[in-house]
Amino acid sequence: MRKCLRCETEMIENLKITPANTLASIQLKEKPIKPSAAPIEAALCPKCGYVETYIELNNREELEAILKKQKEK
């Protein structure tokens, strides 16, 4: 459970970030269109609208594999 850094309300988690049709906005969806190297997720505060991004990883090995792959490029 994440709490909003601004108002301490419980946030809506596990939202996916996808590009919108305009440059001034983004869309938050529950399922990604395609997977990314490191799955970026977002949490949204329903009270004040604050959005926080994070990478949800199941274990340390997954993070190390992503970092190693990025270094090889």
PDB file of N, CA and C in Angstrom:
ATOM      1  N   MET A   1       0.841  -1.178   0.000  1.00  0.00           N
ATOM      2  CA  MET A   1       0.000   0.000   0.000  1.00  0.00           C
ATOM      3  C   MET A   1       0.889   1.245   0.000  1.00  0.00           C
ATOM      4  N   ARG A   2       0.696   2.083  -0.977  1.00  0.00           N
ATOM      5  CA  ARG A   2       1.425   3.354  -1.054  1.00  0.00           C
ATOM      6  C   ARG A   2       0.518   4.466  -0.551  1.00  0.00           C
ATOM      7  N   LYS A   3       1.134   5.392   0.178  1.00  0.00           N
ATOM      8  CA  LYS A   3       0.406   6.580   0.622  1.00  0.00           C
ATOM      9  C   LYS A   3       0.954   7.780  -0.121  1.00  0.00           C
ATOM     10  N   CYS A   4       0.072   8.688  -0.470  1.00  0.00           N
ATOM     11  CA  CYS A   4       0.442   9.905  -1.179  1.00  0.00           C
ATOM     12  C   CYS A   4       1.419  10.720  -0.335  1.00  0.00           C
ATOM     13  N   LEU A   5       2.495  11.186  -0.971  1.00  0.00           N
ATOM     14  CA  LEU A   5       3.489  11.998  -0.271  1.00  0.00           C
ATOM     15  C   LEU A   5       2.952  13.379   0.094  1.00  0.00           C
ATOM     16  N   ARG A   6       1.917  13.818  -0.590  1.00  0.00           N
ATOM     17  CA  ARG A   6       1.366  15.157  -0.345  1.00  0.00           C
ATOM     18  C   ARG A   6       0.253  15.162   0.703  1.00  0.00           C
ATOM     19  N   CYS A   7      -0.712  14.234   0.568  1.00  0.00           N
ATOM     20  CA  CYS A   7      -1.876  14.291   1.460  1.00  0.00           C
ATOM     21  C   CYS A   7      -2.087  13.015   2.277  1.00  0.00           C
ATOM     22  N   GLU A   8      -1.220  12.023   2.110  1.00  0.00           N
ATOM     23  CA  GLU A   8      -1.236  10.762   2.860  1.00  0.00           C
ATOM     24  C   GLU A   8      -2.479   9.902   2.619  1.00  0.00           C
ATOM     25  N   THR A   9      -3.152  10.098   1.487  1.00  0.00           N
ATOM     26  CA  THR A   9      -4.285   9.259   1.098  1.00  0.00           C
ATOM     27  C   THR A   9      -3.745   7.988   0.446  1.00  0.00           C
ATOM     28  N   GLU A  10      -4.448   6.864   0.607  1.00  0.00           N
ATOM     29  CA  GLU A  10      -4.032   5.621  -0.045  1.00  0.00           C
ATOM     30  C   GLU A  10      -4.138   5.779  -1.562  1.00  0.00           C
ATOM     31  N   MET A  11      -3.079   5.388  -2.265  1.00  0.00           N
ATOM     32  CA  MET A  11      -3.011   5.586  -3.717  1.00  0.00           C
ATOM     33  C   MET A  11      -3.534   4.369  -4.473  1.00  0.00           C
ATOM     34  N   ILE A  12      -3.988   4.599  -5.703  1.00  0.00           N
ATOM     35  CA  ILE A  12      -4.367   3.529  -6.623  1.00  0.00           C
ATOM     36  C   ILE A  12      -3.076   3.101  -7.304  1.00  0.00           C
ATOM     37  N   GLU A  13      -2.698   1.822  -7.170  1.00  0.00           N
ATOM     38  CA  GLU A  13      -1.407   1.345  -7.657  1.00  0.00           C
ATOM     39  C   GLU A  13      -1.527   0.496  -8.918  1.00  0.00           C
ATOM     40  N   ASN A  14      -0.363   0.122  -9.445  1.00  0.00           N
ATOM     41  CA  ASN A  14      -0.220  -0.805 -10.575  1.00  0.00           C
ATOM     42  C   ASN A  14      -0.833  -0.283 -11.873  1.00  0.00           C
ATOM     43  N   LEU A  15      -0.809   1.025 -12.068  1.00  0.00           N
ATOM     44  CA  LEU A  15      -1.277   1.606 -13.322  1.00  0.00           C
ATOM     45  C   LEU A  15      -0.119   1.632 -14.305  1.00  0.00           C
ATOM     46  N   LYS A  16      -0.398   1.432 -15.575  1.00  0.00           N
ATOM     47  CA  LYS A  16       0.622   1.446 -16.625  1.00  0.00           C
ATOM     48  C   LYS A  16       0.605   2.798 -17.321  1.00  0.00           C
ATOM     49  N   ILE A  17       1.775   3.288 -17.696  1.00  0.00           N
ATOM     50  CA  ILE A  17       1.890   4.574 -18.379  1.00  0.00           C
ATOM     51  C   ILE A  17       2.022   4.324 -19.872  1.00  0.00           C
ATOM     52  N   THR A  18       1.144   4.937 -20.660  1.00  0.00           N
ATOM     53  CA  THR A  18       1.211   4.825 -22.118  1.00  0.00           C
ATOM     54  C   THR A  18       1.087   6.218 -22.721  1.00  0.00           C
ATOM     55  N   PRO A  19       1.712   6.465 -23.864  1.00  0.00           N
ATOM     56  CA  PRO A  19       1.619   7.788 -24.493  1.00  0.00           C
ATOM     57  C   PRO A  19       0.190   8.105 -24.925  1.00  0.00           C
ATOM     58  N   ALA A  20      -0.188   9.354 -24.795  1.00  0.00           N
ATOM     59  CA  ALA A  20      -1.500   9.816 -25.259  1.00  0.00           C
ATOM     60  C   ALA A  20      -1.333  10.438 -26.643  1.00  0.00           C
ATOM     61  N   ASN A  21      -2.405  10.924 -27.211  1.00  0.00           N
ATOM     62  CA  ASN A  21      -2.364  11.520 -28.547  1.00  0.00           C
ATOM     63  C   ASN A  21      -1.722  12.902 -28.570  1.00  0.00           C
ATOM     64  N   THR A  22      -1.578  13.538 -27.419  1.00  0.00           N
ATOM     65  CA  THR A  22      -0.957  14.863 -27.365  1.00  0.00           C
ATOM     66  C   THR A  22       0.327  14.794 -26.556  1.00  0.00           C
ATOM     67  N   LEU A  23       1.196  15.762 -26.754  1.00  0.00           N
ATOM     68  CA  LEU A  23       2.458  15.790 -26.030  1.00  0.00           C
ATOM     69  C   LEU A  23       2.301  16.277 -24.595  1.00  0.00           C
ATOM     70  N   ALA A  24       1.183  16.891 -24.279  1.00  0.00           N
ATOM     71  CA  ALA A  24       0.991  17.482 -22.959  1.00  0.00           C
ATOM     72  C   ALA A  24       0.327  16.546 -21.957  1.00  0.00           C
ATOM     73  N   SER A  25       0.094  15.296 -22.321  1.00  0.00           N
ATOM     74  CA  SER A  25      -0.588  14.401 -21.395  1.00  0.00           C
ATOM     75  C   SER A  25      -0.115  12.963 -21.562  1.00  0.00           C
ATOM     76  N   ILE A  26      -0.435  12.145 -20.573  1.00  0.00           N
ATOM     77  CA  ILE A  26      -0.182  10.710 -20.637  1.00  0.00           C
ATOM     78  C   ILE A  26      -1.466   9.999 -20.243  1.00  0.00           C
ATOM     79  N   GLN A  27      -1.567   8.743 -20.616  1.00  0.00           N
ATOM     80  CA  GLN A  27      -2.705   7.936 -20.213  1.00  0.00           C
ATOM     81  C   GLN A  27      -2.218   6.917 -19.196  1.00  0.00           C
ATOM     82  N   LEU A  28      -3.014   6.655 -18.176  1.00  0.00           N
ATOM     83  CA  LEU A  28      -2.706   5.620 -17.198  1.00  0.00           C
ATOM     84  C   LEU A  28      -3.655   4.462 -17.449  1.00  0.00           C
ATOM     85  N   LYS A  29      -3.101   3.285 -17.729  1.00  0.00           N
ATOM     86  CA  LYS A  29      -3.914   2.113 -18.020  1.00  0.00           C
ATOM     87  C   LYS A  29      -3.513   0.972 -17.105  1.00  0.00           C
ATOM     88  N   GLU A  30      -4.427   0.014 -16.937  1.00  0.00           N
ATOM     89  CA  GLU A  30      -4.135  -1.124 -16.080  1.00  0.00           C
ATOM     90  C   GLU A  30      -3.318  -2.196 -16.779  1.00  0.00           C
ATOM     91  N   LYS A  31      -3.246  -2.183 -18.108  1.00  0.00           N
ATOM     92  CA  LYS A  31      -2.458  -3.174 -18.849  1.00  0.00           C
ATOM     93  C   LYS A  31      -1.620  -2.459 -19.897  1.00  0.00           C
ATOM     94  N   PRO A  32      -0.338  -2.831 -20.013  1.00  0.00           N
ATOM     95  CA  PRO A  32       0.507  -2.186 -21.017  1.00  0.00           C
ATOM     96  C   PRO A  32       0.201  -2.686 -22.418  1.00  0.00           C
ATOM     97  N   ILE A  33       0.500  -1.863 -23.423  1.00  0.00           N
ATOM     98  CA  ILE A  33       0.349  -2.277 -24.816  1.00  0.00           C
ATOM     99  C   ILE A  33       1.422  -3.295 -25.169  1.00  0.00           C
ATOM    100  N   LYS A  34       2.653  -3.040 -24.752  1.00  0.00           N
ATOM    101  CA  LYS A  34       3.738  -3.993 -24.949  1.00  0.00           C
ATOM    102  C   LYS A  34       4.693  -3.879 -23.770  1.00  0.00           C
ATOM    103  N   PRO A  35       5.389  -4.954 -23.428  1.00  0.00           N
ATOM    104  CA  PRO A  35       6.292  -4.907 -22.273  1.00  0.00           C
ATOM    105  C   PRO A  35       7.505  -4.035 -22.547  1.00  0.00           C
ATOM    106  N   SER A  36       8.060  -3.460 -21.515  1.00  0.00           N
ATOM    107  CA  SER A  36       9.278  -2.664 -21.632  1.00  0.00           C
ATOM    108  C   SER A  36      10.408  -3.382 -20.907  1.00  0.00           C
ATOM    109  N   ALA A  37      11.629  -2.901 -21.066  1.00  0.00           N
ATOM    110  CA  ALA A  37      12.784  -3.529 -20.429  1.00  0.00           C
ATOM    111  C   ALA A  37      12.628  -3.531 -18.914  1.00  0.00           C
ATOM    112  N   ALA A  38      12.219  -2.431 -18.359  1.00  0.00           N
ATOM    113  CA  ALA A  38      11.915  -2.330 -16.936  1.00  0.00           C
ATOM    114  C   ALA A  38      10.495  -1.783 -16.838  1.00  0.00           C
ATOM    115  N   PRO A  39       9.564  -2.591 -16.371  1.00  0.00           N
ATOM    116  CA  PRO A  39       8.165  -2.175 -16.369  1.00  0.00           C
ATOM    117  C   PRO A  39       7.914  -0.994 -15.434  1.00  0.00           C
ATOM    118  N   ILE A  40       7.642   0.168 -16.015  1.00  0.00           N
ATOM    119  CA  ILE A  40       7.357   1.360 -15.223  1.00  0.00           C
ATOM    120  C   ILE A  40       5.869   1.362 -14.893  1.00  0.00           C
ATOM    121  N   GLU A  41       5.571   1.514 -13.621  1.00  0.00           N
ATOM    122  CA  GLU A  41       4.190   1.573 -13.176  1.00  0.00           C
ATOM    123  C   GLU A  41       3.947   2.909 -12.496  1.00  0.00           C
ATOM    124  N   ALA A  42       2.696   3.209 -12.255  1.00  0.00           N
ATOM    125  CA  ALA A  42       2.349   4.474 -11.619  1.00  0.00           C
ATOM    126  C   ALA A  42       1.315   4.247 -10.527  1.00  0.00           C
ATOM    127  N   ALA A  43       1.339   5.137  -9.559  1.00  0.00           N
ATOM    128  CA  ALA A  43       0.322   5.167  -8.513  1.00  0.00           C
ATOM    129  C   ALA A  43      -0.315   6.554  -8.565  1.00  0.00           C
ATOM    130  N   LEU A  44      -1.627   6.599  -8.430  1.00  0.00           N
ATOM    131  CA  LEU A  44      -2.389   7.843  -8.543  1.00  0.00           C
ATOM    132  C   LEU A  44      -3.137   8.112  -7.243  1.00  0.00           C
ATOM    133  N   CYS A  45      -3.035   9.330  -6.739  1.00  0.00           N
ATOM    134  CA  CYS A  45      -3.792   9.722  -5.556  1.00  0.00           C
ATOM    135  C   CYS A  45      -5.181  10.183  -5.992  1.00  0.00           C
ATOM    136  N   PRO A  46      -6.237   9.519  -5.523  1.00  0.00           N
ATOM    137  CA  PRO A  46      -7.586   9.908  -5.933  1.00  0.00           C
ATOM    138  C   PRO A  46      -8.054  11.222  -5.303  1.00  0.00           C
ATOM    139  N   LYS A  47      -7.339  11.684  -4.280  1.00  0.00           N
ATOM    140  CA  LYS A  47      -7.754  12.915  -3.601  1.00  0.00           C
ATOM    141  C   LYS A  47      -7.133  14.167  -4.228  1.00  0.00           C
ATOM    142  N   CYS A  48      -5.806  14.176  -4.404  1.00  0.00           N
ATOM    143  CA  CYS A  48      -5.150  15.400  -4.889  1.00  0.00           C
ATOM    144  C   CYS A  48      -4.596  15.282  -6.307  1.00  0.00           C
ATOM    145  N   GLY A  49      -4.590  14.070  -6.889  1.00  0.00           N
ATOM    146  CA  GLY A  49      -4.138  13.896  -8.264  1.00  0.00           C
ATOM    147  C   GLY A  49      -2.647  13.672  -8.430  1.00  0.00           C
ATOM    148  N   TYR A  50      -1.905  13.582  -7.336  1.00  0.00           N
ATOM    149  CA  TYR A  50      -0.461  13.342  -7.415  1.00  0.00           C
ATOM    150  C   TYR A  50      -0.211  11.982  -8.068  1.00  0.00           C
ATOM    151  N   VAL A  51       0.767  11.929  -9.000  1.00  0.00           N
ATOM    152  CA  VAL A  51       1.135  10.682  -9.672  1.00  0.00           C
ATOM    153  C   VAL A  51       2.581  10.367  -9.334  1.00  0.00           C
ATOM    154  N   GLU A  52       2.830   9.136  -8.944  1.00  0.00           N
ATOM    155  CA  GLU A  52       4.174   8.669  -8.601  1.00  0.00           C
ATOM    156  C   GLU A  52       4.519   7.502  -9.512  1.00  0.00           C
ATOM    157  N   THR A  53       5.708   7.526 -10.102  1.00  0.00           N
ATOM    158  CA  THR A  53       6.138   6.404 -10.938  1.00  0.00           C
ATOM    159  C   THR A  53       7.137   5.553 -10.170  1.00  0.00           C
ATOM    160  N   TYR A  54       7.150   4.253 -10.490  1.00  0.00           N
ATOM    161  CA  TYR A  54       8.058   3.326  -9.833  1.00  0.00           C
ATOM    162  C   TYR A  54       8.240   2.101 -10.709  1.00  0.00           C
ATOM    163  N   ILE A  55       9.257   1.316 -10.409  1.00  0.00           N
ATOM    164  CA  ILE A  55       9.480   0.049 -11.098  1.00  0.00           C
ATOM    165  C   ILE A  55       9.186  -1.057 -10.098  1.00  0.00           C
ATOM    166  N   GLU A  56       8.235  -1.903 -10.421  1.00  0.00           N
ATOM    167  CA  GLU A  56       7.842  -3.006  -9.553  1.00  0.00           C
ATOM    168  C   GLU A  56       8.598  -4.253  -9.992  1.00  0.00           C
ATOM    169  N   LEU A  57       9.501  -4.695  -9.170  1.00  0.00           N
ATOM    170  CA  LEU A  57      10.285  -5.889  -9.480  1.00  0.00           C
ATOM    171  C   LEU A  57      10.015  -6.952  -8.427  1.00  0.00           C
ATOM    172  N   ASN A  58       9.945  -8.199  -8.869  1.00  0.00           N
ATOM    173  CA  ASN A  58       9.650  -9.290  -7.951  1.00  0.00           C
ATOM    174  C   ASN A  58      10.847  -9.692  -7.106  1.00  0.00           C
ATOM    175  N   ASN A  59      12.044  -9.527  -7.654  1.00  0.00           N
ATOM    176  CA  ASN A  59      13.223  -9.917  -6.893  1.00  0.00           C
ATOM    177  C   ASN A  59      14.470  -9.189  -7.380  1.00  0.00           C
ATOM    178  N   ARG A  60      15.525  -9.292  -6.609  1.00  0.00           N
ATOM    179  CA  ARG A  60      16.787  -8.605  -6.918  1.00  0.00           C
ATOM    180  C   ARG A  60      17.399  -9.127  -8.215  1.00  0.00           C
ATOM    181  N   GLU A  61      17.264 -10.425  -8.499  1.00  0.00           N
ATOM    182  CA  GLU A  61      17.827 -11.010  -9.714  1.00  0.00           C
ATOM    183  C   GLU A  61      17.219 -10.379 -10.962  1.00  0.00           C
ATOM    184  N   GLU A  62      15.939 -10.078 -10.919  1.00  0.00           N
ATOM    185  CA  GLU A  62      15.266  -9.443 -12.057  1.00  0.00           C
ATOM    186  C   GLU A  62      15.858  -8.058 -12.322  1.00  0.00           C
ATOM    187  N   LEU A  63      16.095  -7.286 -11.263  1.00  0.00           N
ATOM    188  CA  LEU A  63      16.705  -5.965 -11.402  1.00  0.00           C
ATOM    189  C   LEU A  63      18.115  -6.074 -11.971  1.00  0.00           C
ATOM    190  N   GLU A  64      18.912  -7.004 -11.464  1.00  0.00           N
ATOM    191  CA  GLU A  64      20.283  -7.176 -11.950  1.00  0.00           C
ATOM    192  C   GLU A  64      20.311  -7.574 -13.420  1.00  0.00           C
ATOM    193  N   ALA A  65      19.376  -8.418 -13.858  1.00  0.00           N
ATOM    194  CA  ALA A  65      19.310  -8.829 -15.264  1.00  0.00           C
ATOM    195  C   ALA A  65      18.983  -7.634 -16.163  1.00  0.00           C
ATOM    196  N   ILE A  66      18.071  -6.780 -15.733  1.00  0.00           N
ATOM    197  CA  ILE A  66      17.713  -5.589 -16.510  1.00  0.00           C
ATOM    198  C   ILE A  66      18.903  -4.643 -16.613  1.00  0.00           C
ATOM    199  N   LEU A  67      19.590  -4.408 -15.505  1.00  0.00           N
ATOM    200  CA  LEU A  67      20.747  -3.509 -15.511  1.00  0.00           C
ATOM    201  C   LEU A  67      21.877  -4.059 -16.373  1.00  0.00           C
ATOM    202  N   LYS A  68      22.103  -5.363 -16.321  1.00  0.00           N
ATOM    203  CA  LYS A  68      23.151  -5.991 -17.132  1.00  0.00           C
ATOM    204  C   LYS A  68      22.834  -5.839 -18.620  1.00  0.00           C
ATOM    205  N   LYS A  69      21.580  -6.060 -18.989  1.00  0.00           N
ATOM    206  CA  LYS A  69      21.162  -5.940 -20.389  1.00  0.00           C
ATOM    207  C   LYS A  69      21.369  -4.511 -20.897  1.00  0.00           C
ATOM    208  N   GLN A  70      21.071  -3.513 -20.051  1.00  0.00           N
ATOM    209  CA  GLN A  70      21.243  -2.115 -20.441  1.00  0.00           C
ATOM    210  C   GLN A  70      22.717  -1.763 -20.641  1.00  0.00           C
ATOM    211  N   LYS A  71      23.608  -2.325 -19.826  1.00  0.00           N
ATOM    212  CA  LYS A  71      25.044  -2.060 -19.949  1.00  0.00           C
ATOM    213  C   LYS A  71      25.616  -2.653 -21.229  1.00  0.00           C
ATOM    214  N   GLU A  72      25.042  -3.772 -21.691  1.00  0.00           N
ATOM    215  CA  GLU A  72      25.534  -4.453 -22.891  1.00  0.00           C
ATOM    216  C   GLU A  72      25.192  -3.691 -24.165  1.00  0.00           C
ATOM    217  N   LYS A  73      24.226  -2.802 -24.128  1.00  0.00           N
ATOM    218  CA  LYS A  73      23.794  -2.069 -25.331  1.00  0.00           C
ATOM    219  C   LYS A  73      24.774  -1.007 -25.725  1.00  0.00           C
TER     220      LYS A  73
END
